[in-house]
Amino acid sequence: MEKLLNLLDTNARLTVEQMAVMLDMSEEAVAAQIARLEADGVIRGYKPLIDWEKTDRELVTAIIDLQIAPSKNKGFDALAETITAFDEVESVTLMSGGYDLSVKLTGKSFRDVAMFVHKRLSPLDGVLSTATHFVLKTYKERGVLFTDEKKDERGLV
């Protein structure tokens, strides 16, 4: 199962036939495993990695780190669930270290992101502090390089 998941994580566009050959399994067995993984919620979706800098999209991405006070009954989960419900929010991650939650979101402008933090995140009960970081450039995401620079034979750019 882990080999199948690694193949899908590397290239979700592989056909069942291709994966069957690579895993030395029957197509039926691969299809059944994928169906089971989807039904069990292990596979949550299939999304391409898009280099938005090569498009006409005029949006900004921000990562907002939050220090929060956990609730008595649900710990960090209650506030995380509230934050995940906002349409602008792409991901919410519980972390160790100086901050408790990391929130990734996309807005139309720096001001939109700032107003989201000011009017929607900061006022939530349990939010103690925020730190907003704007993404300026993506070099690598999920193991995929986003730079097109080629090195010459001497290893120089």
N, C-alpha and C. Protein backbone atom coordinates (compact mmCIF):
# COMPACT_ATOMS: atom_id res chain seq x y z
N MET A 1 0.81 -1.19 0.00
CA MET A 1 0.00 0.00 0.00
C MET A 1 0.86 1.26 0.00
N GLU A 2 1.94 1.27 0.78
CA GLU A 2 2.80 2.46 0.84
C GLU A 2 3.43 2.76 -0.51
N LYS A 3 3.82 1.72 -1.25
CA LYS A 3 4.40 1.93 -2.58
C LYS A 3 3.37 2.56 -3.52
N LEU A 4 2.14 2.10 -3.43
CA LEU A 4 1.07 2.66 -4.26
C LEU A 4 0.86 4.14 -3.91
N LEU A 5 0.80 4.45 -2.63
CA LEU A 5 0.62 5.83 -2.20
C LEU A 5 1.78 6.71 -2.66
N ASN A 6 2.99 6.19 -2.59
CA ASN A 6 4.16 6.95 -3.06
C ASN A 6 4.06 7.23 -4.56
N LEU A 7 3.62 6.25 -5.33
CA LEU A 7 3.44 6.46 -6.77
C LEU A 7 2.40 7.55 -7.04
N LEU A 8 1.28 7.47 -6.35
CA LEU A 8 0.23 8.47 -6.54
C LEU A 8 0.69 9.85 -6.09
N ASP A 9 1.47 9.89 -5.02
CA ASP A 9 1.96 11.17 -4.52
C ASP A 9 2.96 11.79 -5.48
N THR A 10 3.72 10.97 -6.17
CA THR A 10 4.70 11.45 -7.14
C THR A 10 4.03 11.87 -8.44
N ASN A 11 3.04 11.08 -8.90
CA ASN A 11 2.37 11.38 -10.16
C ASN A 11 0.98 10.75 -10.15
N ALA A 12 -0.02 11.53 -9.78
CA ALA A 12 -1.38 11.03 -9.69
C ALA A 12 -2.01 10.79 -11.05
N ARG A 13 -1.30 11.14 -12.12
CA ARG A 13 -1.84 10.95 -13.46
C ARG A 13 -1.45 9.58 -14.05
N LEU A 14 -0.68 8.79 -13.31
CA LEU A 14 -0.37 7.45 -13.79
C LEU A 14 -1.67 6.66 -13.94
N THR A 15 -1.73 5.84 -14.97
CA THR A 15 -2.92 5.00 -15.15
C THR A 15 -2.82 3.79 -14.22
N VAL A 16 -3.96 3.17 -14.00
CA VAL A 16 -3.98 1.95 -13.19
C VAL A 16 -3.08 0.90 -13.85
N GLU A 17 -3.09 0.85 -15.16
CA GLU A 17 -2.26 -0.10 -15.89
C GLU A 17 -0.77 0.17 -15.62
N GLN A 18 -0.37 1.42 -15.69
CA GLN A 18 1.04 1.77 -15.43
C GLN A 18 1.43 1.41 -14.00
N MET A 19 0.57 1.75 -13.03
CA MET A 19 0.89 1.44 -11.64
C MET A 19 0.96 -0.07 -11.41
N ALA A 20 0.09 -0.81 -12.06
CA ALA A 20 0.09 -2.27 -11.90
C ALA A 20 1.42 -2.85 -12.36
N VAL A 21 1.94 -2.37 -13.49
CA VAL A 21 3.23 -2.84 -13.99
C VAL A 21 4.34 -2.46 -13.01
N MET A 22 4.32 -1.21 -12.53
CA MET A 22 5.37 -0.73 -11.64
C MET A 22 5.35 -1.44 -10.29
N LEU A 23 4.17 -1.88 -9.86
CA LEU A 23 4.04 -2.54 -8.55
C LEU A 23 4.00 -4.05 -8.66
N ASP A 24 4.05 -4.57 -9.89
CA ASP A 24 3.96 -6.01 -10.13
C ASP A 24 2.68 -6.59 -9.51
N MET A 25 1.58 -5.92 -9.83
CA MET A 25 0.27 -6.33 -9.33
C MET A 25 -0.70 -6.35 -10.52
N SER A 26 -1.86 -6.93 -10.31
CA SER A 26 -2.88 -6.88 -11.36
C SER A 26 -3.56 -5.51 -11.33
N GLU A 27 -4.12 -5.14 -12.49
CA GLU A 27 -4.84 -3.87 -12.57
C GLU A 27 -6.02 -3.86 -11.60
N GLU A 28 -6.69 -5.00 -11.49
CA GLU A 28 -7.84 -5.10 -10.61
C GLU A 28 -7.44 -4.88 -9.15
N ALA A 29 -6.29 -5.43 -8.75
CA ALA A 29 -5.83 -5.26 -7.37
C ALA A 29 -5.47 -3.81 -7.08
N VAL A 30 -4.83 -3.15 -8.04
CA VAL A 30 -4.47 -1.74 -7.87
C VAL A 30 -5.74 -0.89 -7.78
N ALA A 31 -6.69 -1.12 -8.68
CA ALA A 31 -7.94 -0.36 -8.67
C ALA A 31 -8.69 -0.56 -7.36
N ALA A 32 -8.70 -1.80 -6.87
CA ALA A 32 -9.40 -2.10 -5.60
C ALA A 32 -8.71 -1.40 -4.42
N GLN A 33 -7.38 -1.39 -4.42
CA GLN A 33 -6.66 -0.71 -3.34
C GLN A 33 -6.93 0.79 -3.36
N ILE A 34 -6.92 1.38 -4.55
CA ILE A 34 -7.19 2.82 -4.66
C ILE A 34 -8.61 3.12 -4.18
N ALA A 35 -9.57 2.33 -4.58
CA ALA A 35 -10.96 2.54 -4.16
C ALA A 35 -11.08 2.44 -2.64
N ARG A 36 -10.39 1.47 -2.05
CA ARG A 36 -10.44 1.31 -0.59
C ARG A 36 -9.79 2.50 0.11
N LEU A 37 -8.64 2.97 -0.41
CA LEU A 37 -7.96 4.12 0.18
C LEU A 37 -8.81 5.39 0.08
N GLU A 38 -9.53 5.54 -1.02
CA GLU A 38 -10.43 6.69 -1.16
C GLU A 38 -11.59 6.57 -0.18
N ALA A 39 -12.19 5.38 -0.08
CA ALA A 39 -13.33 5.17 0.81
C ALA A 39 -12.94 5.37 2.27
N ASP A 40 -11.71 4.97 2.62
CA ASP A 40 -11.24 5.09 4.01
C ASP A 40 -10.75 6.50 4.34
N GLY A 41 -10.73 7.38 3.35
CA GLY A 41 -10.30 8.75 3.59
C GLY A 41 -8.79 8.93 3.63
N VAL A 42 -8.03 7.91 3.23
CA VAL A 42 -6.57 8.05 3.16
C VAL A 42 -6.22 8.97 2.00
N ILE A 43 -6.83 8.72 0.85
CA ILE A 43 -6.67 9.60 -0.31
C ILE A 43 -7.79 10.63 -0.23
N ARG A 44 -7.42 11.90 -0.09
CA ARG A 44 -8.39 12.98 0.09
C ARG A 44 -8.66 13.76 -1.18
N GLY A 45 -7.91 13.53 -2.23
CA GLY A 45 -8.13 14.24 -3.48
C GLY A 45 -6.90 14.16 -4.36
N TYR A 46 -7.04 14.67 -5.56
CA TYR A 46 -5.97 14.69 -6.54
C TYR A 46 -5.85 16.11 -7.06
N LYS A 47 -4.70 16.74 -6.80
CA LYS A 47 -4.52 18.13 -7.23
C LYS A 47 -3.16 18.29 -7.90
N PRO A 48 -3.12 19.07 -8.97
CA PRO A 48 -1.82 19.34 -9.59
C PRO A 48 -1.06 20.40 -8.79
N LEU A 49 0.25 20.43 -8.95
CA LEU A 49 1.07 21.50 -8.40
C LEU A 49 1.18 22.56 -9.49
N ILE A 50 0.68 23.75 -9.22
CA ILE A 50 0.64 24.81 -10.23
C ILE A 50 1.61 25.90 -9.85
N ASP A 51 2.43 26.31 -10.79
CA ASP A 51 3.34 27.44 -10.59
C ASP A 51 2.55 28.70 -10.95
N TRP A 52 1.90 29.29 -9.97
CA TRP A 52 1.03 30.44 -10.19
C TRP A 52 1.77 31.66 -10.71
N GLU A 53 3.08 31.71 -10.49
CA GLU A 53 3.86 32.84 -10.99
C GLU A 53 3.91 32.86 -12.52
N LYS A 54 3.61 31.76 -13.16
CA LYS A 54 3.63 31.67 -14.62
C LYS A 54 2.24 31.88 -15.22
N THR A 55 1.33 32.36 -14.39
CA THR A 55 -0.03 32.63 -14.86
C THR A 55 -0.33 34.12 -14.69
N ASP A 56 -1.52 34.52 -15.10
CA ASP A 56 -1.94 35.91 -14.96
C ASP A 56 -2.62 36.17 -13.61
N ARG A 57 -2.62 35.19 -12.76
CA ARG A 57 -3.27 35.33 -11.45
C ARG A 57 -2.61 36.43 -10.63
N GLU A 58 -3.41 37.33 -10.11
CA GLU A 58 -2.91 38.46 -9.33
C GLU A 58 -3.37 38.32 -7.88
N LEU A 59 -2.94 37.27 -7.21
CA LEU A 59 -3.30 37.04 -5.82
C LEU A 59 -2.04 36.92 -4.97
N VAL A 60 -2.19 37.10 -3.68
CA VAL A 60 -1.07 36.94 -2.77
C VAL A 60 -1.37 35.79 -1.81
N THR A 61 -0.32 35.07 -1.45
CA THR A 61 -0.44 33.97 -0.51
C THR A 61 0.28 34.36 0.77
N ALA A 62 -0.33 34.01 1.89
CA ALA A 62 0.26 34.32 3.19
C ALA A 62 0.21 33.09 4.08
N ILE A 63 1.18 33.03 4.97
CA ILE A 63 1.19 32.02 6.02
C ILE A 63 1.08 32.78 7.33
N ILE A 64 0.06 32.46 8.11
CA ILE A 64 -0.18 33.16 9.36
C ILE A 64 0.00 32.16 10.49
N ASP A 65 0.94 32.46 11.36
CA ASP A 65 1.19 31.62 12.52
C ASP A 65 0.40 32.18 13.70
N LEU A 66 -0.28 31.30 14.43
CA LEU A 66 -1.14 31.71 15.53
C LEU A 66 -0.70 31.07 16.83
N GLN A 67 -0.66 31.86 17.89
CA GLN A 67 -0.57 31.32 19.23
C GLN A 67 -2.00 31.31 19.74
N ILE A 68 -2.42 30.16 20.25
CA ILE A 68 -3.80 30.07 20.70
C ILE A 68 -3.87 29.42 22.08
N ALA A 69 -4.96 29.68 22.76
CA ALA A 69 -5.24 29.04 24.04
C ALA A 69 -6.18 27.88 23.75
N PRO A 70 -5.75 26.67 24.03
CA PRO A 70 -6.62 25.53 23.75
C PRO A 70 -7.86 25.54 24.64
N SER A 71 -8.99 25.05 24.11
CA SER A 71 -10.21 24.97 24.91
C SER A 71 -10.12 23.78 25.85
N LYS A 72 -10.90 23.82 26.92
CA LYS A 72 -10.84 22.76 27.93
C LYS A 72 -11.24 21.41 27.38
N ASN A 73 -12.27 21.38 26.54
CA ASN A 73 -12.81 20.10 26.07
C ASN A 73 -12.19 19.60 24.77
N LYS A 74 -11.88 20.50 23.85
CA LYS A 74 -11.42 20.08 22.52
C LYS A 74 -9.99 20.48 22.20
N GLY A 75 -9.29 21.05 23.14
CA GLY A 75 -7.89 21.43 22.90
C GLY A 75 -7.77 22.42 21.76
N PHE A 76 -6.87 22.13 20.84
CA PHE A 76 -6.63 23.00 19.69
C PHE A 76 -7.66 22.77 18.57
N ASP A 77 -8.34 21.63 18.62
CA ASP A 77 -9.23 21.24 17.52
C ASP A 77 -10.38 22.21 17.30
N ALA A 78 -10.98 22.73 18.36
CA ALA A 78 -12.15 23.60 18.21
C ALA A 78 -11.82 24.84 17.38
N LEU A 79 -10.74 25.51 17.73
CA LEU A 79 -10.37 26.71 16.99
C LEU A 79 -9.90 26.36 15.58
N ALA A 80 -9.17 25.26 15.43
CA ALA A 80 -8.73 24.83 14.10
C ALA A 80 -9.92 24.57 13.19
N GLU A 81 -10.95 23.94 13.72
CA GLU A 81 -12.15 23.66 12.93
C GLU A 81 -12.85 24.95 12.51
N THR A 82 -12.90 25.92 13.40
CA THR A 82 -13.50 27.22 13.08
C THR A 82 -12.74 27.89 11.93
N ILE A 83 -11.42 27.86 12.01
CA ILE A 83 -10.58 28.52 11.00
C ILE A 83 -10.68 27.81 9.66
N THR A 84 -10.75 26.48 9.66
CA THR A 84 -10.85 25.75 8.39
C THR A 84 -12.13 26.08 7.63
N ALA A 85 -13.14 26.58 8.32
CA ALA A 85 -14.42 26.89 7.67
C ALA A 85 -14.35 28.17 6.82
N PHE A 86 -13.34 29.01 7.01
CA PHE A 86 -13.23 30.23 6.21
C PHE A 86 -12.83 29.86 4.78
N ASP A 87 -13.54 30.41 3.80
CA ASP A 87 -13.28 30.09 2.39
C ASP A 87 -11.86 30.45 1.95
N GLU A 88 -11.30 31.52 2.49
CA GLU A 88 -9.98 31.97 2.08
C GLU A 88 -8.86 31.01 2.52
N VAL A 89 -9.13 30.22 3.53
CA VAL A 89 -8.11 29.36 4.14
C VAL A 89 -7.88 28.12 3.29
N GLU A 90 -6.61 27.90 2.94
CA GLU A 90 -6.23 26.73 2.14
C GLU A 90 -5.81 25.56 3.02
N SER A 91 -5.10 25.86 4.12
CA SER A 91 -4.66 24.79 5.00
C SER A 91 -4.49 25.32 6.42
N VAL A 92 -4.66 24.41 7.38
CA VAL A 92 -4.44 24.69 8.79
C VAL A 92 -3.66 23.52 9.35
N THR A 93 -2.54 23.84 10.01
CA THR A 93 -1.66 22.80 10.53
C THR A 93 -1.34 23.07 11.99
N LEU A 94 -1.44 22.04 12.82
CA LEU A 94 -1.02 22.13 14.22
C LEU A 94 0.48 21.91 14.27
N MET A 95 1.18 22.78 15.01
CA MET A 95 2.65 22.73 15.03
C MET A 95 3.15 22.70 16.47
N SER A 96 4.40 22.33 16.61
CA SER A 96 5.08 22.51 17.88
C SER A 96 5.98 23.73 17.74
N GLY A 97 6.46 24.25 18.86
CA GLY A 97 7.35 25.40 18.79
C GLY A 97 6.68 26.66 19.30
N GLY A 98 7.09 27.79 18.76
CA GLY A 98 6.62 29.09 19.24
C GLY A 98 5.17 29.40 18.90
N TYR A 99 4.62 28.75 17.88
CA TYR A 99 3.23 28.97 17.48
C TYR A 99 2.50 27.64 17.48
N ASP A 100 1.19 27.71 17.58
CA ASP A 100 0.39 26.49 17.67
C ASP A 100 -0.22 26.07 16.33
N LEU A 101 -0.74 27.05 15.59
CA LEU A 101 -1.36 26.76 14.30
C LEU A 101 -0.68 27.56 13.21
N SER A 102 -0.57 26.96 12.04
CA SER A 102 -0.10 27.66 10.85
C SER A 102 -1.24 27.63 9.84
N VAL A 103 -1.62 28.81 9.36
CA VAL A 103 -2.74 28.95 8.44
C VAL A 103 -2.21 29.50 7.13
N LYS A 104 -2.52 28.83 6.03
CA LYS A 104 -2.14 29.30 4.71
C LYS A 104 -3.38 29.78 4.00
N LEU A 105 -3.32 30.99 3.43
CA LEU A 105 -4.48 31.51 2.71
C LEU A 105 -4.05 32.37 1.54
N THR A 106 -4.99 32.58 0.63
CA THR A 106 -4.76 33.41 -0.54
C THR A 106 -5.78 34.53 -0.55
N GLY A 107 -5.31 35.74 -0.88
CA GLY A 107 -6.19 36.90 -0.96
C GLY A 107 -5.92 37.69 -2.22
N LYS A 108 -6.78 38.67 -2.50
CA LYS A 108 -6.63 39.49 -3.69
C LYS A 108 -5.48 40.47 -3.58
N SER A 109 -5.14 40.86 -2.34
CA SER A 109 -4.07 41.83 -2.13
C SER A 109 -3.50 41.67 -0.73
N PHE A 110 -2.38 42.35 -0.48
CA PHE A 110 -1.80 42.35 0.86
C PHE A 110 -2.83 42.90 1.86
N ARG A 111 -3.53 43.93 1.43
CA ARG A 111 -4.53 44.54 2.31
C ARG A 111 -5.65 43.55 2.64
N ASP A 112 -6.12 42.80 1.66
CA ASP A 112 -7.17 41.81 1.92
C ASP A 112 -6.73 40.79 2.97
N VAL A 113 -5.50 40.33 2.84
CA VAL A 113 -4.98 39.37 3.82
C VAL A 113 -4.89 40.03 5.20
N ALA A 114 -4.37 41.25 5.23
CA ALA A 114 -4.24 41.97 6.51
C ALA A 114 -5.61 42.17 7.15
N MET A 115 -6.62 42.51 6.36
CA MET A 115 -7.97 42.71 6.90
C MET A 115 -8.58 41.39 7.36
N PHE A 116 -8.26 40.30 6.67
CA PHE A 116 -8.74 38.98 7.11
C PHE A 116 -8.17 38.67 8.49
N VAL A 117 -6.89 38.91 8.67
CA VAL A 117 -6.27 38.66 9.97
C VAL A 117 -6.88 39.58 11.02
N HIS A 118 -7.01 40.86 10.68
CA HIS A 118 -7.51 41.86 11.62
C HIS A 118 -8.97 41.64 12.02
N LYS A 119 -9.82 41.32 11.04
CA LYS A 119 -11.26 41.26 11.30
C LYS A 119 -11.81 39.87 11.56
N ARG A 120 -11.11 38.84 11.07
CA ARG A 120 -11.69 37.49 11.20
C ARG A 120 -10.87 36.56 12.07
N LEU A 121 -9.54 36.59 11.97
CA LEU A 121 -8.73 35.68 12.78
C LEU A 121 -8.47 36.20 14.18
N SER A 122 -7.92 37.39 14.27
CA SER A 122 -7.52 37.94 15.56
C SER A 122 -8.67 38.01 16.58
N PRO A 123 -9.89 38.36 16.17
CA PRO A 123 -10.97 38.46 17.16
C PRO A 123 -11.49 37.12 17.70
N LEU A 124 -11.09 36.00 17.09
CA LEU A 124 -11.60 34.72 17.55
C LEU A 124 -11.18 34.45 18.99
N ASP A 125 -12.12 33.94 19.79
CA ASP A 125 -11.80 33.58 21.17
C ASP A 125 -10.72 32.50 21.16
N GLY A 126 -9.68 32.75 21.90
CA GLY A 126 -8.59 31.78 21.99
C GLY A 126 -7.36 32.18 21.20
N VAL A 127 -7.48 33.13 20.27
CA VAL A 127 -6.31 33.59 19.51
C VAL A 127 -5.55 34.59 20.39
N LEU A 128 -4.30 34.25 20.71
CA LEU A 128 -3.48 35.10 21.57
C LEU A 128 -2.61 36.04 20.77
N SER A 129 -2.05 35.56 19.64
CA SER A 129 -1.22 36.41 18.79
C SER A 129 -1.13 35.81 17.40
N THR A 130 -0.77 36.67 16.44
CA THR A 130 -0.60 36.23 15.05
C THR A 130 0.72 36.78 14.52
N ALA A 131 1.28 36.07 13.55
CA ALA A 131 2.45 36.54 12.80
C ALA A 131 2.19 36.21 11.34
N THR A 132 2.10 37.24 10.50
CA THR A 132 1.76 37.05 9.09
C THR A 132 3.02 37.12 8.24
N HIS A 133 3.18 36.13 7.38
CA HIS A 133 4.31 36.04 6.46
C HIS A 133 3.75 35.96 5.05
N PHE A 134 4.17 36.87 4.17
CA PHE A 134 3.71 36.83 2.78
C PHE A 134 4.68 36.03 1.94
N VAL A 135 4.15 35.14 1.11
CA VAL A 135 4.97 34.31 0.23
C VAL A 135 5.40 35.18 -0.95
N LEU A 136 6.70 35.31 -1.15
CA LEU A 136 7.23 36.11 -2.25
C LEU A 136 7.56 35.26 -3.46
N LYS A 137 8.05 34.05 -3.22
CA LYS A 137 8.41 33.17 -4.33
C LYS A 137 8.46 31.74 -3.80
N THR A 138 8.02 30.80 -4.62
CA THR A 138 8.10 29.39 -4.28
C THR A 138 9.23 28.76 -5.07
N TYR A 139 10.17 28.13 -4.37
CA TYR A 139 11.29 27.47 -5.02
C TYR A 139 11.05 25.97 -5.17
N LYS A 140 10.38 25.39 -4.19
CA LYS A 140 10.14 23.95 -4.21
C LYS A 140 8.91 23.66 -3.36
N GLU A 141 8.03 22.82 -3.89
CA GLU A 141 6.84 22.44 -3.14
C GLU A 141 6.59 20.95 -3.33
N ARG A 142 6.41 20.26 -2.23
CA ARG A 142 6.15 18.82 -2.24
C ARG A 142 7.15 18.06 -3.10
N GLY A 143 8.42 18.48 -3.03
CA GLY A 143 9.48 17.79 -3.74
C GLY A 143 9.67 18.21 -5.19
N VAL A 144 8.85 19.13 -5.68
CA VAL A 144 8.93 19.57 -7.07
C VAL A 144 9.57 20.95 -7.13
N LEU A 145 10.64 21.07 -7.94
CA LEU A 145 11.32 22.35 -8.11
C LEU A 145 10.47 23.29 -8.96
N PHE A 146 10.43 24.54 -8.58
CA PHE A 146 9.68 25.55 -9.31
C PHE A 146 10.62 26.52 -10.03
N THR A 147 11.91 26.26 -10.00
CA THR A 147 12.87 27.13 -10.69
C THR A 147 13.23 26.49 -12.02
N ASP A 148 13.41 27.32 -13.03
CA ASP A 148 13.73 26.84 -14.37
C ASP A 148 15.18 27.07 -14.75
N GLU A 149 15.96 27.66 -13.83
CA GLU A 149 17.34 27.98 -14.14
C GLU A 149 18.14 26.70 -14.39
N LYS A 150 18.89 26.70 -15.46
CA LYS A 150 19.73 25.56 -15.81
C LYS A 150 21.17 25.86 -15.42
N LYS A 151 21.86 24.87 -14.89
CA LYS A 151 23.27 25.05 -14.56
C LYS A 151 24.11 24.64 -15.75
N ASP A 152 25.24 25.37 -15.93
CA ASP A 152 26.14 25.00 -17.02
C ASP A 152 27.01 23.82 -16.58
N GLU A 153 27.89 23.37 -17.43
CA GLU A 153 28.70 22.19 -17.17
C GLU A 153 29.56 22.31 -15.93
N ARG A 154 29.88 23.54 -15.53
CA ARG A 154 30.73 23.74 -14.36
C ARG A 154 29.89 23.83 -13.08
N GLY A 155 28.56 23.69 -13.19
CA GLY A 155 27.70 23.76 -12.03
C GLY A 155 27.29 25.18 -11.69
N LEU A 156 27.56 26.12 -12.59
CA LEU A 156 27.19 27.50 -12.36
C LEU A 156 25.87 27.80 -13.03
N VAL A 157 25.14 28.77 -12.49
CA VAL A 157 23.86 29.17 -13.08
C VAL A 157 24.11 29.98 -14.34
